[in-house]
Amino acid sequence: MQLRFTTLTGFALAAFAAIPSFAQDPLDEMYGRAIHEYYRGDVTKAEQILNDVIAAGSADPRAYYFRGLCQAAISGSPDAGQSDFEQAAQLEIDGKKVVNVGKALERVQGS
């Protein structure tokens, strides 16, 4: 009986440990706020938030893509965000943070 209880307890603990945590990364929350500002038309505010996200060490390529878009919108030159676009592409290749970049940019560039 004791062995059976121990085995069941072990399986229960293993199953519990396999459940992913749903706590959201604070940088993801900040990124989300920046995107809301971007689509509201406040690209300056979006850029400020994205600057904070990137300065805090985010490896999310979307943050760099959208900061590049903000820089291009603010300056009026599509080349203004070039270094951020290149950094975003490199982060995507490195794959440290796997995200659906295509989906994130779909509203900007189309499907």
N, C-alpha and C. Protein backbone atom coordinates (compact mmCIF):
# COMPACT_ATOMS: atom_id res chain seq x y z
N MET A 1 0.82 -1.20 0.00
CA MET A 1 0.00 0.00 0.00
C MET A 1 0.86 1.26 0.00
N GLN A 2 1.93 1.26 0.81
CA GLN A 2 2.82 2.41 0.88
C GLN A 2 3.51 2.67 -0.46
N LEU A 3 3.97 1.59 -1.12
CA LEU A 3 4.63 1.72 -2.41
C LEU A 3 3.68 2.29 -3.46
N ARG A 4 2.45 1.84 -3.40
CA ARG A 4 1.45 2.31 -4.35
C ARG A 4 1.15 3.80 -4.15
N PHE A 5 1.06 4.23 -2.90
CA PHE A 5 0.81 5.64 -2.58
C PHE A 5 2.00 6.49 -3.04
N THR A 6 3.20 6.01 -2.80
CA THR A 6 4.40 6.74 -3.20
C THR A 6 4.47 6.87 -4.72
N THR A 7 4.14 5.80 -5.43
CA THR A 7 4.16 5.83 -6.89
C THR A 7 3.12 6.81 -7.42
N LEU A 8 1.92 6.77 -6.86
CA LEU A 8 0.86 7.70 -7.31
C LEU A 8 1.23 9.14 -6.99
N THR A 9 1.83 9.35 -5.84
CA THR A 9 2.27 10.70 -5.47
C THR A 9 3.34 11.20 -6.45
N GLY A 10 4.25 10.30 -6.80
CA GLY A 10 5.30 10.65 -7.76
C GLY A 10 4.73 11.04 -9.11
N PHE A 11 3.76 10.27 -9.59
CA PHE A 11 3.12 10.60 -10.87
C PHE A 11 2.37 11.93 -10.79
N ALA A 12 1.70 12.16 -9.68
CA ALA A 12 0.95 13.41 -9.51
C ALA A 12 1.90 14.60 -9.51
N LEU A 13 3.02 14.49 -8.80
CA LEU A 13 3.99 15.59 -8.77
C LEU A 13 4.62 15.81 -10.15
N ALA A 14 4.90 14.73 -10.85
CA ALA A 14 5.47 14.87 -12.20
C ALA A 14 4.48 15.54 -13.14
N ALA A 15 3.21 15.18 -13.03
CA ALA A 15 2.19 15.79 -13.88
C ALA A 15 2.04 17.27 -13.54
N PHE A 16 2.07 17.61 -12.27
CA PHE A 16 1.94 19.00 -11.85
C PHE A 16 3.12 19.83 -12.35
N ALA A 17 4.32 19.26 -12.29
CA ALA A 17 5.51 19.99 -12.73
C ALA A 17 5.50 20.21 -14.24
N ALA A 18 4.79 19.36 -14.97
CA ALA A 18 4.75 19.49 -16.43
C ALA A 18 3.77 20.56 -16.90
N ILE A 19 2.92 21.05 -16.02
CA ILE A 19 1.96 22.09 -16.39
C ILE A 19 2.71 23.40 -16.56
N PRO A 20 2.59 24.04 -17.72
CA PRO A 20 3.34 25.28 -17.94
C PRO A 20 2.81 26.41 -17.07
N SER A 21 3.69 27.29 -16.73
CA SER A 21 3.31 28.47 -15.97
C SER A 21 2.70 29.49 -16.93
N PHE A 22 1.63 30.11 -16.52
CA PHE A 22 0.97 31.08 -17.39
C PHE A 22 1.24 32.51 -16.96
N ALA A 23 2.21 32.69 -16.07
CA ALA A 23 2.58 34.05 -15.68
C ALA A 23 3.26 34.71 -16.87
N GLN A 24 2.81 35.87 -17.21
CA GLN A 24 3.34 36.56 -18.38
C GLN A 24 4.58 37.36 -18.00
N ASP A 25 5.55 37.33 -18.88
CA ASP A 25 6.78 38.08 -18.72
C ASP A 25 6.43 39.58 -18.74
N PRO A 26 6.95 40.35 -17.77
CA PRO A 26 6.66 41.80 -17.76
C PRO A 26 7.08 42.50 -19.05
N LEU A 27 8.15 42.02 -19.69
CA LEU A 27 8.56 42.63 -20.95
C LEU A 27 7.54 42.37 -22.05
N ASP A 28 6.88 41.20 -22.00
CA ASP A 28 5.82 40.92 -22.97
C ASP A 28 4.64 41.86 -22.76
N GLU A 29 4.34 42.15 -21.50
CA GLU A 29 3.25 43.09 -21.20
C GLU A 29 3.59 44.49 -21.72
N MET A 30 4.84 44.91 -21.50
CA MET A 30 5.26 46.22 -22.00
C MET A 30 5.23 46.26 -23.52
N TYR A 31 5.69 45.18 -24.15
CA TYR A 31 5.63 45.10 -25.61
C TYR A 31 4.18 45.25 -26.08
N GLY A 32 3.26 44.57 -25.41
CA GLY A 32 1.85 44.67 -25.76
C GLY A 32 1.32 46.09 -25.66
N ARG A 33 1.72 46.80 -24.61
CA ARG A 33 1.31 48.20 -24.46
C ARG A 33 1.85 49.04 -25.61
N ALA A 34 3.10 48.78 -25.98
CA ALA A 34 3.71 49.53 -27.08
C ALA A 34 2.95 49.31 -28.38
N ILE A 35 2.55 48.08 -28.63
CA ILE A 35 1.82 47.77 -29.86
C ILE A 35 0.47 48.46 -29.87
N HIS A 36 -0.19 48.51 -28.72
CA HIS A 36 -1.46 49.23 -28.64
C HIS A 36 -1.25 50.71 -28.96
N GLU A 37 -0.19 51.29 -28.43
CA GLU A 37 0.10 52.70 -28.72
C GLU A 37 0.40 52.89 -30.20
N TYR A 38 1.16 51.96 -30.77
CA TYR A 38 1.50 52.05 -32.19
C TYR A 38 0.23 52.08 -33.05
N TYR A 39 -0.68 51.16 -32.79
CA TYR A 39 -1.90 51.09 -33.60
C TYR A 39 -2.90 52.19 -33.27
N ARG A 40 -2.74 52.82 -32.11
CA ARG A 40 -3.57 54.00 -31.80
C ARG A 40 -3.04 55.23 -32.53
N GLY A 41 -1.82 55.12 -33.04
CA GLY A 41 -1.23 56.24 -33.76
C GLY A 41 -0.21 57.02 -32.97
N ASP A 42 0.03 56.63 -31.72
CA ASP A 42 1.02 57.34 -30.90
C ASP A 42 2.36 56.62 -31.01
N VAL A 43 3.02 56.81 -32.16
CA VAL A 43 4.27 56.09 -32.42
C VAL A 43 5.41 56.57 -31.52
N THR A 44 5.35 57.82 -31.08
CA THR A 44 6.37 58.32 -30.17
C THR A 44 6.30 57.60 -28.83
N LYS A 45 5.10 57.44 -28.30
CA LYS A 45 4.91 56.71 -27.05
C LYS A 45 5.30 55.24 -27.23
N ALA A 46 4.90 54.66 -28.35
CA ALA A 46 5.24 53.26 -28.64
C ALA A 46 6.76 53.10 -28.67
N GLU A 47 7.45 54.03 -29.32
CA GLU A 47 8.91 53.94 -29.40
C GLU A 47 9.54 54.04 -28.01
N GLN A 48 9.02 54.91 -27.17
CA GLN A 48 9.56 55.05 -25.81
C GLN A 48 9.42 53.74 -25.03
N ILE A 49 8.27 53.11 -25.13
CA ILE A 49 8.05 51.85 -24.43
C ILE A 49 8.96 50.77 -25.00
N LEU A 50 9.07 50.72 -26.31
CA LEU A 50 9.94 49.72 -26.94
C LEU A 50 11.40 49.96 -26.58
N ASN A 51 11.81 51.21 -26.43
CA ASN A 51 13.17 51.51 -25.97
C ASN A 51 13.40 50.88 -24.59
N ASP A 52 12.40 51.00 -23.71
CA ASP A 52 12.51 50.41 -22.37
C ASP A 52 12.56 48.89 -22.43
N VAL A 53 11.74 48.30 -23.29
CA VAL A 53 11.71 46.84 -23.44
C VAL A 53 13.07 46.33 -23.91
N ILE A 54 13.62 47.00 -24.91
CA ILE A 54 14.90 46.58 -25.47
C ILE A 54 16.04 46.84 -24.48
N ALA A 55 16.00 47.97 -23.79
CA ALA A 55 17.03 48.28 -22.79
C ALA A 55 17.01 47.28 -21.64
N ALA A 56 15.84 46.71 -21.37
CA ALA A 56 15.71 45.73 -20.28
C ALA A 56 16.22 44.35 -20.70
N GLY A 57 16.63 44.21 -21.96
CA GLY A 57 17.24 42.97 -22.40
C GLY A 57 16.34 42.03 -23.18
N SER A 58 15.26 42.52 -23.72
CA SER A 58 14.36 41.65 -24.49
C SER A 58 15.07 41.08 -25.71
N ALA A 59 14.83 39.79 -25.96
CA ALA A 59 15.35 39.13 -27.17
C ALA A 59 14.21 38.90 -28.16
N ASP A 60 13.13 39.64 -28.01
CA ASP A 60 11.96 39.50 -28.87
C ASP A 60 12.17 40.31 -30.15
N PRO A 61 12.26 39.63 -31.29
CA PRO A 61 12.50 40.37 -32.53
C PRO A 61 11.38 41.35 -32.86
N ARG A 62 10.16 41.07 -32.41
CA ARG A 62 9.04 41.97 -32.71
C ARG A 62 9.27 43.35 -32.13
N ALA A 63 9.91 43.43 -30.97
CA ALA A 63 10.18 44.74 -30.35
C ALA A 63 11.07 45.58 -31.27
N TYR A 64 12.05 44.94 -31.87
CA TYR A 64 12.94 45.66 -32.79
C TYR A 64 12.24 46.03 -34.09
N TYR A 65 11.45 45.11 -34.62
CA TYR A 65 10.70 45.43 -35.85
C TYR A 65 9.80 46.63 -35.63
N PHE A 66 9.05 46.62 -34.53
CA PHE A 66 8.12 47.72 -34.31
C PHE A 66 8.84 49.01 -33.94
N ARG A 67 9.98 48.92 -33.25
CA ARG A 67 10.71 50.15 -32.98
C ARG A 67 11.24 50.73 -34.30
N GLY A 68 11.66 49.87 -35.20
CA GLY A 68 12.08 50.34 -36.52
C GLY A 68 10.94 51.01 -37.26
N LEU A 69 9.76 50.42 -37.16
CA LEU A 69 8.58 51.03 -37.80
C LEU A 69 8.26 52.38 -37.17
N CYS A 70 8.41 52.49 -35.86
CA CYS A 70 8.18 53.77 -35.18
C CYS A 70 9.18 54.81 -35.66
N GLN A 71 10.45 54.43 -35.74
CA GLN A 71 11.48 55.36 -36.20
C GLN A 71 11.20 55.83 -37.62
N ALA A 72 10.77 54.91 -38.47
CA ALA A 72 10.45 55.27 -39.85
C ALA A 72 9.26 56.23 -39.90
N ALA A 73 8.26 55.97 -39.07
CA ALA A 73 7.07 56.83 -39.05
C ALA A 73 7.40 58.22 -38.51
N ILE A 74 8.21 58.28 -37.47
CA ILE A 74 8.55 59.56 -36.85
C ILE A 74 9.40 60.41 -37.80
N SER A 75 10.36 59.77 -38.44
CA SER A 75 11.28 60.53 -39.31
C SER A 75 10.71 60.77 -40.70
N GLY A 76 9.77 59.93 -41.12
CA GLY A 76 9.24 60.02 -42.47
C GLY A 76 10.11 59.32 -43.50
N SER A 77 11.16 58.65 -43.03
CA SER A 77 12.06 57.95 -43.93
C SER A 77 12.02 56.45 -43.63
N PRO A 78 11.74 55.61 -44.62
CA PRO A 78 11.69 54.18 -44.38
C PRO A 78 13.05 53.60 -43.99
N ASP A 79 14.13 54.32 -44.27
CA ASP A 79 15.46 53.84 -43.90
C ASP A 79 15.82 54.11 -42.44
N ALA A 80 15.01 54.89 -41.75
CA ALA A 80 15.34 55.28 -40.38
C ALA A 80 15.44 54.09 -39.43
N GLY A 81 14.64 53.07 -39.63
CA GLY A 81 14.66 51.93 -38.73
C GLY A 81 15.51 50.77 -39.20
N GLN A 82 16.37 51.00 -40.17
CA GLN A 82 17.13 49.92 -40.80
C GLN A 82 17.94 49.08 -39.79
N SER A 83 18.63 49.72 -38.87
CA SER A 83 19.45 48.94 -37.93
C SER A 83 18.57 48.08 -37.03
N ASP A 84 17.40 48.58 -36.66
CA ASP A 84 16.49 47.76 -35.85
C ASP A 84 15.93 46.59 -36.66
N PHE A 85 15.65 46.82 -37.94
CA PHE A 85 15.16 45.72 -38.78
C PHE A 85 16.22 44.63 -38.91
N GLU A 86 17.48 45.06 -39.05
CA GLU A 86 18.57 44.08 -39.15
C GLU A 86 18.74 43.31 -37.84
N GLN A 87 18.67 44.02 -36.71
CA GLN A 87 18.78 43.37 -35.40
C GLN A 87 17.63 42.39 -35.20
N ALA A 88 16.44 42.77 -35.60
CA ALA A 88 15.27 41.90 -35.46
C ALA A 88 15.46 40.63 -36.28
N ALA A 89 15.94 40.78 -37.50
CA ALA A 89 16.16 39.62 -38.35
C ALA A 89 17.20 38.68 -37.73
N GLN A 90 18.25 39.24 -37.14
CA GLN A 90 19.27 38.42 -36.50
C GLN A 90 18.69 37.69 -35.28
N LEU A 91 17.88 38.37 -34.50
CA LEU A 91 17.24 37.71 -33.35
C LEU A 91 16.32 36.59 -33.80
N GLU A 92 15.64 36.81 -34.90
CA GLU A 92 14.78 35.76 -35.45
C GLU A 92 15.60 34.54 -35.84
N ILE A 93 16.74 34.78 -36.48
CA ILE A 93 17.62 33.68 -36.89
C ILE A 93 18.16 32.95 -35.67
N ASP A 94 18.59 33.71 -34.66
CA ASP A 94 19.15 33.11 -33.45
C ASP A 94 18.13 32.27 -32.70
N GLY A 95 16.87 32.67 -32.76
CA GLY A 95 15.78 31.90 -32.17
C GLY A 95 15.80 31.80 -30.66
N LYS A 96 16.38 32.79 -29.97
CA LYS A 96 16.39 32.76 -28.50
C LYS A 96 14.98 32.90 -27.94
N LYS A 97 14.18 33.68 -28.60
CA LYS A 97 12.77 33.81 -28.22
C LYS A 97 11.95 33.54 -29.47
N VAL A 98 11.26 32.43 -29.47
CA VAL A 98 10.48 32.04 -30.64
C VAL A 98 9.09 32.65 -30.54
N VAL A 99 8.79 33.51 -31.49
CA VAL A 99 7.49 34.17 -31.56
C VAL A 99 7.02 34.16 -33.01
N ASN A 100 5.76 34.40 -33.22
CA ASN A 100 5.20 34.43 -34.56
C ASN A 100 5.32 35.85 -35.11
N VAL A 101 6.47 36.13 -35.69
CA VAL A 101 6.74 37.47 -36.22
C VAL A 101 5.80 37.79 -37.37
N GLY A 102 5.57 36.82 -38.23
CA GLY A 102 4.69 37.04 -39.38
C GLY A 102 3.30 37.49 -38.95
N LYS A 103 2.77 36.86 -37.92
CA LYS A 103 1.45 37.22 -37.40
C LYS A 103 1.48 38.63 -36.81
N ALA A 104 2.56 38.95 -36.10
CA ALA A 104 2.67 40.27 -35.48
C ALA A 104 2.71 41.39 -36.51
N LEU A 105 3.35 41.11 -37.64
CA LEU A 105 3.50 42.14 -38.68
C LEU A 105 2.41 42.11 -39.74
N GLU A 106 1.51 41.15 -39.63
CA GLU A 106 0.47 40.96 -40.65
C GLU A 106 -0.36 42.23 -40.85
N ARG A 107 -0.67 42.91 -39.79
CA ARG A 107 -1.48 44.13 -39.88
C ARG A 107 -0.73 45.25 -40.57
N VAL A 108 0.59 45.20 -40.52
CA VAL A 108 1.42 46.23 -41.14
C VAL A 108 1.67 45.93 -42.61
N GLN A 109 2.04 44.68 -42.90
CA GLN A 109 2.45 44.34 -44.26
C GLN A 109 1.48 43.47 -45.02
N GLY A 110 0.42 43.04 -44.38
CA GLY A 110 -0.55 42.16 -45.03
C GLY A 110 -0.18 40.71 -44.85
N SER A 111 -1.12 39.83 -45.16
CA SER A 111 -0.85 38.40 -44.98
C SER A 111 -0.05 37.89 -46.11
